[in-house]
Amino acid sequence: MKLKGTDLNVARYAETLNALGAEPRLRIMRLLLSAHPDGMVVGDIQKDLGITASALSHHLGKLKNHDLVAVRRDGTFLWYSANAAALRELLAFLYSECCTRNRILNPDAVVHIEN
């Protein structure tokens, strides 16, 4: 079955939500958002969350594959930061149909996402 239009978006965002669905990855995202926009070095993320380097690498890789985090190299350090634009896009998708059936509220009245 070939997906098109809205169905493609639903499939893509379902995968993104699945990537966020593991507790360690959600904890990583919250931690990175607390350090936004600068981000954090891998060692500090590992220390704050108390997880092994291999587990952290796995989870950061999954988040990066879904464009939820960005990584930059500074010398020997890898800095990870939350991709706020991707998160805003996800929230906009989730709220795009908000209140359209009952027409009680304008969706913009529920959430306003600024750049």
PDB file of N, CA and C in Angstrom:
ATOM      1  N   MET A   1       0.848  -1.187   0.000  1.00  0.00           N
ATOM      2  CA  MET A   1       0.000   0.000   0.000  1.00  0.00           C
ATOM      3  C   MET A   1       0.890   1.245   0.000  1.00  0.00           C
ATOM      4  N   LYS A   2       0.651   2.119  -0.932  1.00  0.00           N
ATOM      5  CA  LYS A   2       1.427   3.342  -1.044  1.00  0.00           C
ATOM      6  C   LYS A   2       0.732   4.455  -0.261  1.00  0.00           C
ATOM      7  N   LEU A   3       1.483   5.084   0.643  1.00  0.00           N
ATOM      8  CA  LEU A   3       0.929   6.165   1.451  1.00  0.00           C
ATOM      9  C   LEU A   3       1.083   7.479   0.718  1.00  0.00           C
ATOM     10  N   LYS A   4       0.164   8.400   0.954  1.00  0.00           N
ATOM     11  CA  LYS A   4       0.273   9.717   0.357  1.00  0.00           C
ATOM     12  C   LYS A   4      -0.238  10.777   1.313  1.00  0.00           C
ATOM     13  N   GLY A   5       0.211  12.002   1.092  1.00  0.00           N
ATOM     14  CA  GLY A   5      -0.258  13.160   1.830  1.00  0.00           C
ATOM     15  C   GLY A   5      -0.242  12.997   3.329  1.00  0.00           C
ATOM     16  N   THR A   6      -1.405  13.168   3.931  1.00  0.00           N
ATOM     17  CA  THR A   6      -1.551  13.115   5.377  1.00  0.00           C
ATOM     18  C   THR A   6      -1.124  11.771   5.946  1.00  0.00           C
ATOM     19  N   ASP A   7      -1.405  10.680   5.221  1.00  0.00           N
ATOM     20  CA  ASP A   7      -1.014   9.359   5.704  1.00  0.00           C
ATOM     21  C   ASP A   7       0.499   9.234   5.837  1.00  0.00           C
ATOM     22  N   LEU A   8       1.240   9.856   4.916  1.00  0.00           N
ATOM     23  CA  LEU A   8       2.696   9.856   5.017  1.00  0.00           C
ATOM     24  C   LEU A   8       3.145  10.578   6.270  1.00  0.00           C
ATOM     25  N   ASN A   9       2.524  11.724   6.555  1.00  0.00           N
ATOM     26  CA  ASN A   9       2.854  12.466   7.765  1.00  0.00           C
ATOM     27  C   ASN A   9       2.539  11.654   9.008  1.00  0.00           C
ATOM     28  N   VAL A  10       1.397  10.985   9.014  1.00  0.00           N
ATOM     29  CA  VAL A  10       1.027  10.171  10.167  1.00  0.00           C
ATOM     30  C   VAL A  10       2.068   9.082  10.390  1.00  0.00           C
ATOM     31  N   ALA A  11       2.486   8.416   9.330  1.00  0.00           N
ATOM     32  CA  ALA A  11       3.489   7.357   9.448  1.00  0.00           C
ATOM     33  C   ALA A  11       4.819   7.916   9.952  1.00  0.00           C
ATOM     34  N   ARG A  12       5.225   9.055   9.411  1.00  0.00           N
ATOM     35  CA  ARG A  12       6.502   9.662   9.814  1.00  0.00           C
ATOM     36  C   ARG A  12       6.465  10.095  11.277  1.00  0.00           C
ATOM     37  N   TYR A  13       5.384  10.749  11.676  1.00  0.00           N
ATOM     38  CA  TYR A  13       5.303  11.207  13.065  1.00  0.00           C
ATOM     39  C   TYR A  13       5.106  10.044  14.034  1.00  0.00           C
ATOM     40  N   ALA A  14       4.488   8.975  13.583  1.00  0.00           N
ATOM     41  CA  ALA A  14       4.372   7.788  14.439  1.00  0.00           C
ATOM     42  C   ALA A  14       5.763   7.231  14.729  1.00  0.00           C
ATOM     43  N   GLU A  15       6.625   7.219  13.720  1.00  0.00           N
ATOM     44  CA  GLU A  15       7.995   6.758  13.933  1.00  0.00           C
ATOM     45  C   GLU A  15       8.749   7.698  14.873  1.00  0.00           C
ATOM     46  N   THR A  16       8.526   8.989  14.728  1.00  0.00           N
ATOM     47  CA  THR A  16       9.171   9.954  15.614  1.00  0.00           C
ATOM     48  C   THR A  16       8.716   9.753  17.054  1.00  0.00           C
ATOM     49  N   LEU A  17       7.422   9.580  17.246  1.00  0.00           N
ATOM     50  CA  LEU A  17       6.905   9.343  18.598  1.00  0.00           C
ATOM     51  C   LEU A  17       7.418   8.023  19.161  1.00  0.00           C
ATOM     52  N   ASN A  18       7.574   7.033  18.301  1.00  0.00           N
ATOM     53  CA  ASN A  18       8.138   5.760  18.734  1.00  0.00           C
ATOM     54  C   ASN A  18       9.573   5.959  19.228  1.00  0.00           C
ATOM     55  N   ALA A  19      10.334   6.793  18.533  1.00  0.00           N
ATOM     56  CA  ALA A  19      11.708   7.079  18.953  1.00  0.00           C
ATOM     57  C   ALA A  19      11.737   7.747  20.323  1.00  0.00           C
ATOM     58  N   LEU A  20      10.751   8.574  20.602  1.00  0.00           N
ATOM     59  CA  LEU A  20      10.666   9.240  21.904  1.00  0.00           C
ATOM     60  C   LEU A  20      10.074   8.335  22.984  1.00  0.00           C
ATOM     61  N   GLY A  21       9.488   7.218  22.566  1.00  0.00           N
ATOM     62  CA  GLY A  21       8.707   6.386  23.470  1.00  0.00           C
ATOM     63  C   GLY A  21       9.482   5.586  24.490  1.00  0.00           C
ATOM     64  N   ALA A  22      10.788   5.480  24.354  1.00  0.00           N
ATOM     65  CA  ALA A  22      11.582   4.761  25.345  1.00  0.00           C
ATOM     66  C   ALA A  22      11.961   5.725  26.465  1.00  0.00           C
ATOM     67  N   GLU A  23      11.845   5.264  27.690  1.00  0.00           N
ATOM     68  CA  GLU A  23      12.115   6.137  28.841  1.00  0.00           C
ATOM     69  C   GLU A  23      13.485   6.812  28.782  1.00  0.00           C
ATOM     70  N   PRO A  24      14.563   6.081  28.469  1.00  0.00           N
ATOM     71  CA  PRO A  24      15.867   6.762  28.424  1.00  0.00           C
ATOM     72  C   PRO A  24      15.925   7.873  27.380  1.00  0.00           C
ATOM     73  N   ARG A  25      15.293   7.651  26.227  1.00  0.00           N
ATOM     74  CA  ARG A  25      15.325   8.681  25.186  1.00  0.00           C
ATOM     75  C   ARG A  25      14.502   9.901  25.582  1.00  0.00           C
ATOM     76  N   LEU A  26      13.402   9.681  26.243  1.00  0.00           N
ATOM     77  CA  LEU A  26      12.606  10.816  26.713  1.00  0.00           C
ATOM     78  C   LEU A  26      13.369  11.594  27.784  1.00  0.00           C
ATOM     79  N   ARG A  27      14.078  10.884  28.632  1.00  0.00           N
ATOM     80  CA  ARG A  27      14.909  11.552  29.654  1.00  0.00           C
ATOM     81  C   ARG A  27      16.030  12.360  28.995  1.00  0.00           C
ATOM     82  N   ILE A  28      16.636  11.784  27.961  1.00  0.00           N
ATOM     83  CA  ILE A  28      17.681  12.499  27.227  1.00  0.00           C
ATOM     84  C   ILE A  28      17.120  13.770  26.615  1.00  0.00           C
ATOM     85  N   MET A  29      15.956  13.682  25.981  1.00  0.00           N
ATOM     86  CA  MET A  29      15.357  14.865  25.352  1.00  0.00           C
ATOM     87  C   MET A  29      15.056  15.951  26.382  1.00  0.00           C
ATOM     88  N   ARG A  30      14.508  15.548  27.514  1.00  0.00           N
ATOM     89  CA  ARG A  30      14.214  16.546  28.563  1.00  0.00           C
ATOM     90  C   ARG A  30      15.496  17.203  29.069  1.00  0.00           C
ATOM     91  N   LEU A  31      16.541  16.407  29.233  1.00  0.00           N
ATOM     92  CA  LEU A  31      17.818  16.951  29.689  1.00  0.00           C
ATOM     93  C   LEU A  31      18.389  17.911  28.650  1.00  0.00           C
ATOM     94  N   LEU A  32      18.356  17.517  27.388  1.00  0.00           N
ATOM     95  CA  LEU A  32      18.875  18.393  26.337  1.00  0.00           C
ATOM     96  C   LEU A  32      18.052  19.670  26.203  1.00  0.00           C
ATOM     97  N   LEU A  33      16.764  19.561  26.401  1.00  0.00           N
ATOM     98  CA  LEU A  33      15.930  20.770  26.365  1.00  0.00           C
ATOM     99  C   LEU A  33      16.254  21.699  27.524  1.00  0.00           C
ATOM    100  N   SER A  34      16.648  21.132  28.670  1.00  0.00           N
ATOM    101  CA  SER A  34      17.022  21.977  29.806  1.00  0.00           C
ATOM    102  C   SER A  34      18.313  22.739  29.515  1.00  0.00           C
ATOM    103  N   ALA A  35      19.131  22.239  28.585  1.00  0.00           N
ATOM    104  CA  ALA A  35      20.393  22.880  28.219  1.00  0.00           C
ATOM    105  C   ALA A  35      20.294  23.610  26.874  1.00  0.00           C
ATOM    106  N   HIS A  36      19.080  23.779  26.379  1.00  0.00           N
ATOM    107  CA  HIS A  36      18.868  24.410  25.078  1.00  0.00           C
ATOM    108  C   HIS A  36      19.224  25.880  25.134  1.00  0.00           C
ATOM    109  N   PRO A  37      19.852  26.465  24.158  1.00  0.00           N
ATOM    110  CA  PRO A  37      20.205  25.930  22.850  1.00  0.00           C
ATOM    111  C   PRO A  37      21.627  25.372  22.775  1.00  0.00           C
ATOM    112  N   ASP A  38      22.419  25.537  23.825  1.00  0.00           N
ATOM    113  CA  ASP A  38      23.822  25.133  23.755  1.00  0.00           C
ATOM    114  C   ASP A  38      24.024  23.629  23.666  1.00  0.00           C
ATOM    115  N   GLY A  39      23.176  22.863  24.342  1.00  0.00           N
ATOM    116  CA  GLY A  39      23.328  21.423  24.362  1.00  0.00           C
ATOM    117  C   GLY A  39      24.302  20.975  25.435  1.00  0.00           C
ATOM    118  N   MET A  40      24.690  19.718  25.356  1.00  0.00           N
ATOM    119  CA  MET A  40      25.564  19.131  26.372  1.00  0.00           C
ATOM    120  C   MET A  40      26.549  18.174  25.712  1.00  0.00           C
ATOM    121  N   VAL A  41      27.709  18.024  26.369  1.00  0.00           N
ATOM    122  CA  VAL A  41      28.662  17.026  25.899  1.00  0.00           C
ATOM    123  C   VAL A  41      28.205  15.654  26.379  1.00  0.00           C
ATOM    124  N   VAL A  42      28.598  14.633  25.631  1.00  0.00           N
ATOM    125  CA  VAL A  42      28.155  13.275  25.905  1.00  0.00           C
ATOM    126  C   VAL A  42      28.466  12.854  27.335  1.00  0.00           C
ATOM    127  N   GLY A  43      29.668  13.170  27.819  1.00  0.00           N
ATOM    128  CA  GLY A  43      30.050  12.769  29.174  1.00  0.00           C
ATOM    129  C   GLY A  43      29.122  13.334  30.232  1.00  0.00           C
ATOM    130  N   ASP A  44      28.678  14.572  30.049  1.00  0.00           N
ATOM    131  CA  ASP A  44      27.762  15.189  31.018  1.00  0.00           C
ATOM    132  C   ASP A  44      26.374  14.553  30.953  1.00  0.00           C
ATOM    133  N   ILE A  45      25.932  14.211  29.743  1.00  0.00           N
ATOM    134  CA  ILE A  45      24.640  13.525  29.605  1.00  0.00           C
ATOM    135  C   ILE A  45      24.704  12.191  30.335  1.00  0.00           C
ATOM    136  N   GLN A  46      25.799  11.464  30.104  1.00  0.00           N
ATOM    137  CA  GLN A  46      25.968  10.153  30.727  1.00  0.00           C
ATOM    138  C   GLN A  46      25.990  10.280  32.252  1.00  0.00           C
ATOM    139  N   LYS A  47      26.722  11.257  32.751  1.00  0.00           N
ATOM    140  CA  LYS A  47      26.819  11.443  34.197  1.00  0.00           C
ATOM    141  C   LYS A  47      25.459  11.819  34.800  1.00  0.00           C
ATOM    142  N   ASP A  48      24.756  12.738  34.158  1.00  0.00           N
ATOM    143  CA  ASP A  48      23.457  13.185  34.680  1.00  0.00           C
ATOM    144  C   ASP A  48      22.423  12.064  34.693  1.00  0.00           C
ATOM    145  N   LEU A  49      22.449  11.211  33.675  1.00  0.00           N
ATOM    146  CA  LEU A  49      21.431  10.164  33.569  1.00  0.00           C
ATOM    147  C   LEU A  49      21.878   8.838  34.175  1.00  0.00           C
ATOM    148  N   GLY A  50      23.173   8.686  34.417  1.00  0.00           N
ATOM    149  CA  GLY A  50      23.670   7.461  35.027  1.00  0.00           C
ATOM    150  C   GLY A  50      23.472   6.223  34.177  1.00  0.00           C
ATOM    151  N   ILE A  51      23.703   6.344  32.863  1.00  0.00           N
ATOM    152  CA  ILE A  51      23.590   5.181  31.988  1.00  0.00           C
ATOM    153  C   ILE A  51      24.944   4.900  31.344  1.00  0.00           C
ATOM    154  N   THR A  52      25.113   3.686  30.884  1.00  0.00           N
ATOM    155  CA  THR A  52      26.392   3.298  30.295  1.00  0.00           C
ATOM    156  C   THR A  52      26.629   4.037  28.984  1.00  0.00           C
ATOM    157  N   ALA A  53      27.893   4.123  28.604  1.00  0.00           N
ATOM    158  CA  ALA A  53      28.253   4.796  27.359  1.00  0.00           C
ATOM    159  C   ALA A  53      27.623   4.105  26.156  1.00  0.00           C
ATOM    160  N   SER A  54      27.598   2.778  26.169  1.00  0.00           N
ATOM    161  CA  SER A  54      27.028   2.064  25.017  1.00  0.00           C
ATOM    162  C   SER A  54      25.521   2.290  24.914  1.00  0.00           C
ATOM    163  N   ALA A  55      24.825   2.301  26.051  1.00  0.00           N
ATOM    164  CA  ALA A  55      23.376   2.558  26.031  1.00  0.00           C
ATOM    165  C   ALA A  55      23.100   3.988  25.571  1.00  0.00           C
ATOM    166  N   LEU A  56      23.896   4.926  26.067  1.00  0.00           N
ATOM    167  CA  LEU A  56      23.706   6.323  25.674  1.00  0.00           C
ATOM    168  C   LEU A  56      23.947   6.487  24.178  1.00  0.00           C
ATOM    169  N   SER A  57      24.983   5.860  23.677  1.00  0.00           N
ATOM    170  CA  SER A  57      25.284   5.936  22.251  1.00  0.00           C
ATOM    171  C   SER A  57      24.116   5.400  21.419  1.00  0.00           C
ATOM    172  N   HIS A  58      23.558   4.275  21.846  1.00  0.00           N
ATOM    173  CA  HIS A  58      22.409   3.692  21.147  1.00  0.00           C
ATOM    174  C   HIS A  58      21.234   4.664  21.123  1.00  0.00           C
ATOM    175  N   HIS A  59      20.893   5.227  22.279  1.00  0.00           N
ATOM    176  CA  HIS A  59      19.728   6.112  22.367  1.00  0.00           C
ATOM    177  C   HIS A  59      19.953   7.420  21.607  1.00  0.00           C
ATOM    178  N   LEU A  60      21.162   7.986  21.709  1.00  0.00           N
ATOM    179  CA  LEU A  60      21.446   9.206  20.961  1.00  0.00           C
ATOM    180  C   LEU A  60      21.389   8.946  19.459  1.00  0.00           C
ATOM    181  N   GLY A  61      21.859   7.784  19.036  1.00  0.00           N
ATOM    182  CA  GLY A  61      21.796   7.426  17.620  1.00  0.00           C
ATOM    183  C   GLY A  61      20.364   7.341  17.121  1.00  0.00           C
ATOM    184  N   LYS A  62      19.506   6.738  17.923  1.00  0.00           N
ATOM    185  CA  LYS A  62      18.086   6.623  17.548  1.00  0.00           C
ATOM    186  C   LYS A  62      17.460   8.011  17.438  1.00  0.00           C
ATOM    187  N   LEU A  63      17.732   8.882  18.401  1.00  0.00           N
ATOM    188  CA  LEU A  63      17.185  10.242  18.369  1.00  0.00           C
ATOM    189  C   LEU A  63      17.733  11.025  17.176  1.00  0.00           C
ATOM    190  N   LYS A  64      19.007  10.838  16.878  1.00  0.00           N
ATOM    191  CA  LYS A  64      19.619  11.530  15.747  1.00  0.00           C
ATOM    192  C   LYS A  64      19.020  11.031  14.432  1.00  0.00           C
ATOM    193  N   ASN A  65      18.793   9.733  14.322  1.00  0.00           N
ATOM    194  CA  ASN A  65      18.207   9.177  13.096  1.00  0.00           C
ATOM    195  C   ASN A  65      16.823   9.739  12.816  1.00  0.00           C
ATOM    196  N   HIS A  66      16.126  10.176  13.844  1.00  0.00           N
ATOM    197  CA  HIS A  66      14.791  10.751  13.675  1.00  0.00           C
ATOM    198  C   HIS A  66      14.826  12.275  13.742  1.00  0.00           C
ATOM    199  N   ASP A  67      16.033  12.837  13.621  1.00  0.00           N
ATOM    200  CA  ASP A  67      16.230  14.286  13.558  1.00  0.00           C
ATOM    201  C   ASP A  67      15.737  15.010  14.808  1.00  0.00           C
ATOM    202  N   LEU A  68      15.728  14.310  15.936  1.00  0.00           N
ATOM    203  CA  LEU A  68      15.283  14.932  17.181  1.00  0.00           C
ATOM    204  C   LEU A  68      16.434  15.598  17.927  1.00  0.00           C
ATOM    205  N   VAL A  69      17.657  15.203  17.615  1.00  0.00           N
ATOM    206  CA  VAL A  69      18.836  15.839  18.191  1.00  0.00           C
ATOM    207  C   VAL A  69      19.822  16.167  17.091  1.00  0.00           C
ATOM    208  N   ALA A  70      20.627  17.159  17.359  1.00  0.00           N
ATOM    209  CA  ALA A  70      21.717  17.529  16.461  1.00  0.00           C
ATOM    210  C   ALA A  70      23.021  17.296  17.218  1.00  0.00           C
ATOM    211  N   VAL A  71      24.070  17.016  16.482  1.00  0.00           N
ATOM    212  CA  VAL A  71      25.376  16.798  17.103  1.00  0.00           C
ATOM    213  C   VAL A  71      26.408  17.655  16.395  1.00  0.00           C
ATOM    214  N   ARG A  72      27.313  18.204  17.182  1.00  0.00           N
ATOM    215  CA  ARG A  72      28.417  18.965  16.605  1.00  0.00           C
ATOM    216  C   ARG A  72      29.705  18.589  17.335  1.00  0.00           C
ATOM    217  N   ARG A  73      30.784  18.602  16.610  1.00  0.00           N
ATOM    218  CA  ARG A  73      32.088  18.269  17.189  1.00  0.00           C
ATOM    219  C   ARG A  73      32.816  19.562  17.526  1.00  0.00           C
ATOM    220  N   ASP A  74      33.396  19.579  18.725  1.00  0.00           N
ATOM    221  CA  ASP A  74      34.231  20.694  19.165  1.00  0.00           C
ATOM    222  C   ASP A  74      35.512  20.069  19.701  1.00  0.00           C
ATOM    223  N   GLY A  75      36.519  19.984  18.851  1.00  0.00           N
ATOM    224  CA  GLY A  75      37.746  19.292  19.236  1.00  0.00           C
ATOM    225  C   GLY A  75      37.459  17.808  19.411  1.00  0.00           C
ATOM    226  N   THR A  76      37.695  17.310  20.619  1.00  0.00           N
ATOM    227  CA  THR A  76      37.430  15.892  20.895  1.00  0.00           C
ATOM    228  C   THR A  76      36.057  15.674  21.515  1.00  0.00           C
ATOM    229  N   PHE A  77      35.308  16.746  21.719  1.00  0.00           N
ATOM    230  CA  PHE A  77      34.005  16.642  22.375  1.00  0.00           C
ATOM    231  C   PHE A  77      32.869  16.610  21.356  1.00  0.00           C
ATOM    232  N   LEU A  78      31.874  15.774  21.635  1.00  0.00           N
ATOM    233  CA  LEU A  78      30.639  15.762  20.863  1.00  0.00           C
ATOM    234  C   LEU A  78      29.563  16.445  21.696  1.00  0.00           C
ATOM    235  N   TRP A  79      28.984  17.474  21.137  1.00  0.00           N
ATOM    236  CA  TRP A  79      27.908  18.212  21.787  1.00  0.00           C
ATOM    237  C   TRP A  79      26.586  17.816  21.144  1.00  0.00           C
ATOM    238  N   TYR A  80      25.626  17.431  21.962  1.00  0.00           N
ATOM    239  CA  TYR A  80      24.285  17.105  21.478  1.00  0.00           C
ATOM    240  C   TYR A  80      23.321  18.183  21.940  1.00  0.00           C
ATOM    241  N   SER A  81      22.391  18.513  21.072  1.00  0.00           N
ATOM    242  CA  SER A  81      21.348  19.485  21.428  1.00  0.00           C
ATOM    243  C   SER A  81      20.019  19.012  20.854  1.00  0.00           C
ATOM    244  N   ALA A  82      18.961  19.414  21.517  1.00  0.00           N
ATOM    245  CA  ALA A  82      17.616  19.082  21.057  1.00  0.00           C
ATOM    246  C   ALA A  82      17.328  19.870  19.788  1.00  0.00           C
ATOM    247  N   ASN A  83      16.668  19.242  18.849  1.00  0.00           N
ATOM    248  CA  ASN A  83      16.247  19.916  17.620  1.00  0.00           C
ATOM    249  C   ASN A  83      14.862  20.508  17.884  1.00  0.00           C
ATOM    250  N   ALA A  84      14.861  21.733  18.378  1.00  0.00           N
ATOM    251  CA  ALA A  84      13.610  22.384  18.764  1.00  0.00           C
ATOM    252  C   ALA A  84      12.666  22.535  17.575  1.00  0.00           C
ATOM    253  N   ALA A  85      13.212  22.752  16.395  1.00  0.00           N
ATOM    254  CA  ALA A  85      12.357  22.904  15.211  1.00  0.00           C
ATOM    255  C   ALA A  85      11.590  21.617  14.933  1.00  0.00           C
ATOM    256  N   ALA A  86      12.256  20.474  15.063  1.00  0.00           N
ATOM    257  CA  ALA A  86      11.578  19.191  14.837  1.00  0.00           C
ATOM    258  C   ALA A  86      10.503  18.954  15.892  1.00  0.00           C
ATOM    259  N   LEU A  87      10.770  19.346  17.133  1.00  0.00           N
ATOM    260  CA  LEU A  87       9.774  19.183  18.189  1.00  0.00           C
ATOM    261  C   LEU A  87       8.579  20.112  17.968  1.00  0.00           C
ATOM    262  N   ARG A  88       8.851  21.332  17.520  1.00  0.00           N
ATOM    263  CA  ARG A  88       7.749  22.258  17.210  1.00  0.00           C
ATOM    264  C   ARG A  88       6.895  21.698  16.079  1.00  0.00           C
ATOM    265  N   GLU A  89       7.551  21.119  15.071  1.00  0.00           N
ATOM    266  CA  GLU A  89       6.832  20.531  13.944  1.00  0.00           C
ATOM    267  C   GLU A  89       5.948  19.367  14.408  1.00  0.00           C
ATOM    268  N   LEU A  90       6.475  18.546  15.300  1.00  0.00           N
ATOM    269  CA  LEU A  90       5.710  17.420  15.845  1.00  0.00           C
ATOM    270  C   LEU A  90       4.491  17.928  16.620  1.00  0.00           C
ATOM    271  N   LEU A  91       4.690  18.926  17.458  1.00  0.00           N
ATOM    272  CA  LEU A  91       3.567  19.485  18.219  1.00  0.00           C
ATOM    273  C   LEU A  91       2.536  20.134  17.291  1.00  0.00           C
ATOM    274  N   ALA A  92       3.014  20.823  16.273  1.00  0.00           N
ATOM    275  CA  ALA A  92       2.088  21.436  15.318  1.00  0.00           C
ATOM    276  C   ALA A  92       1.250  20.368  14.628  1.00  0.00           C
ATOM    277  N   PHE A  93       1.879  19.248  14.264  1.00  0.00           N
ATOM    278  CA  PHE A  93       1.143  18.151  13.652  1.00  0.00           C
ATOM    279  C   PHE A  93       0.084  17.608  14.615  1.00  0.00           C
ATOM    280  N   LEU A  94       0.468  17.401  15.872  1.00  0.00           N
ATOM    281  CA  LEU A  94      -0.468  16.853  16.846  1.00  0.00           C
ATOM    282  C   LEU A  94      -1.657  17.780  17.077  1.00  0.00           C
ATOM    283  N   TYR A  95      -1.393  19.080  17.058  1.00  0.00           N
ATOM    284  CA  TYR A  95      -2.465  20.040  17.312  1.00  0.00           C
ATOM    285  C   TYR A  95      -3.186  20.507  16.050  1.00  0.00           C
ATOM    286  N   SER A  96      -2.743  20.070  14.887  1.00  0.00           N
ATOM    287  CA  SER A  96      -3.308  20.596  13.639  1.00  0.00           C
ATOM    288  C   SER A  96      -4.796  20.316  13.494  1.00  0.00           C
ATOM    289  N   GLU A  97      -5.272  19.242  14.078  1.00  0.00           N
ATOM    290  CA  GLU A  97      -6.694  18.907  13.993  1.00  0.00           C
ATOM    291  C   GLU A  97      -7.452  19.257  15.275  1.00  0.00           C
ATOM    292  N   CYS A  98      -6.768  19.912  16.185  1.00  0.00           N
ATOM    293  CA  CYS A  98      -7.374  20.207  17.484  1.00  0.00           C
ATOM    294  C   CYS A  98      -8.662  21.016  17.324  1.00  0.00           C
ATOM    295  N   CYS A  99      -9.692  20.512  17.921  1.00  0.00           N
ATOM    296  CA  CYS A  99     -10.958  21.230  18.052  1.00  0.00           C
ATOM    297  C   CYS A  99     -11.686  21.451  16.731  1.00  0.00           C
ATOM    298  N   THR A 100     -11.343  20.723  15.681  1.00  0.00           N
ATOM    299  CA  THR A 100     -11.980  20.974  14.392  1.00  0.00           C
ATOM    300  C   THR A 100     -13.348  20.326  14.280  1.00  0.00           C
ATOM    301  N   ARG A 101     -13.608  19.280  15.045  1.00  0.00           N
ATOM    302  CA  ARG A 101     -14.922  18.625  14.957  1.00  0.00           C
ATOM    303  C   ARG A 101     -16.007  19.438  15.648  1.00  0.00           C
ATOM    304  N   ASN A 102     -15.707  19.900  16.839  1.00  0.00           N
ATOM    305  CA  ASN A 102     -16.751  20.606  17.576  1.00  0.00           C
ATOM    306  C   ASN A 102     -16.722  22.115  17.353  1.00  0.00           C
ATOM    307  N   ARG A 103     -15.671  22.610  16.731  1.00  0.00           N
ATOM    308  CA  ARG A 103     -15.536  24.024  16.373  1.00  0.00           C
ATOM    309  C   ARG A 103     -15.710  24.968  17.568  1.00  0.00           C
ATOM    310  N   ILE A 104     -15.510  24.458  18.770  1.00  0.00           N
ATOM    311  CA  ILE A 104     -15.640  25.304  19.948  1.00  0.00           C
ATOM    312  C   ILE A 104     -14.481  26.286  20.050  1.00  0.00           C
ATOM    313  N   LEU A 105     -13.268  25.805  19.736  1.00  0.00           N
ATOM    314  CA  LEU A 105     -12.080  26.639  19.839  1.00  0.00           C
ATOM    315  C   LEU A 105     -11.345  26.695  18.515  1.00  0.00           C
ATOM    316  N   ASN A 106     -10.669  27.783  18.307  1.00  0.00           N
ATOM    317  CA  ASN A 106      -9.733  27.886  17.209  1.00  0.00           C
ATOM    318  C   ASN A 106      -8.472  27.152  17.654  1.00  0.00           C
ATOM    319  N   PRO A 107      -7.903  26.262  16.827  1.00  0.00           N
ATOM    320  CA  PRO A 107      -6.704  25.532  17.245  1.00  0.00           C
ATOM    321  C   PRO A 107      -5.572  26.437  17.712  1.00  0.00           C
ATOM    322  N   ASP A 108      -5.456  27.634  17.150  1.00  0.00           N
ATOM    323  CA  ASP A 108      -4.408  28.554  17.576  1.00  0.00           C
ATOM    324  C   ASP A 108      -4.612  29.043  19.003  1.00  0.00           C
ATOM    325  N   ALA A 109      -5.835  28.955  19.496  1.00  0.00           N
ATOM    326  CA  ALA A 109      -6.106  29.364  20.873  1.00  0.00           C
ATOM    327  C   ALA A 109      -5.607  28.327  21.876  1.00  0.00           C
ATOM    328  N   VAL A 110      -5.421  27.104  21.422  1.00  0.00           N
ATOM    329  CA  VAL A 110      -4.956  26.036  22.315  1.00  0.00           C
ATOM    330  C   VAL A 110      -3.452  26.044  22.445  1.00  0.00           C
ATOM    331  N   VAL A 111      -2.769  26.205  21.334  1.00  0.00           N
ATOM    332  CA  VAL A 111      -1.306  26.216  21.356  1.00  0.00           C
ATOM    333  C   VAL A 111      -0.812  27.183  20.307  1.00  0.00           C
ATOM    334  N   HIS A 112       0.206  27.932  20.679  1.00  0.00           N
ATOM    335  CA  HIS A 112       0.832  28.831  19.724  1.00  0.00           C
ATOM    336  C   HIS A 112       2.313  28.490  19.717  1.00  0.00           C
ATOM    337  N   ILE A 113       2.821  28.115  18.578  1.00  0.00           N
ATOM    338  CA  ILE A 113       4.208  27.686  18.453  1.00  0.00           C
ATOM    339  C   ILE A 113       4.976  28.780  17.754  1.00  0.00           C
ATOM    340  N   GLU A 114       5.959  29.340  18.473  1.00  0.00           N
ATOM    341  CA  GLU A 114       6.779  30.399  17.916  1.00  0.00           C
ATOM    342  C   GLU A 114       8.089  29.831  17.425  1.00  0.00           C
ATOM    343  N   ASN A 115       8.674  30.491  16.462  1.00  0.00           N
ATOM    344  CA  ASN A 115      10.003  30.077  15.953  1.00  0.00           C
ATOM    345  C   ASN A 115      11.091  30.623  16.787  1.00  0.00           C
TER     346      ASN A 115
END
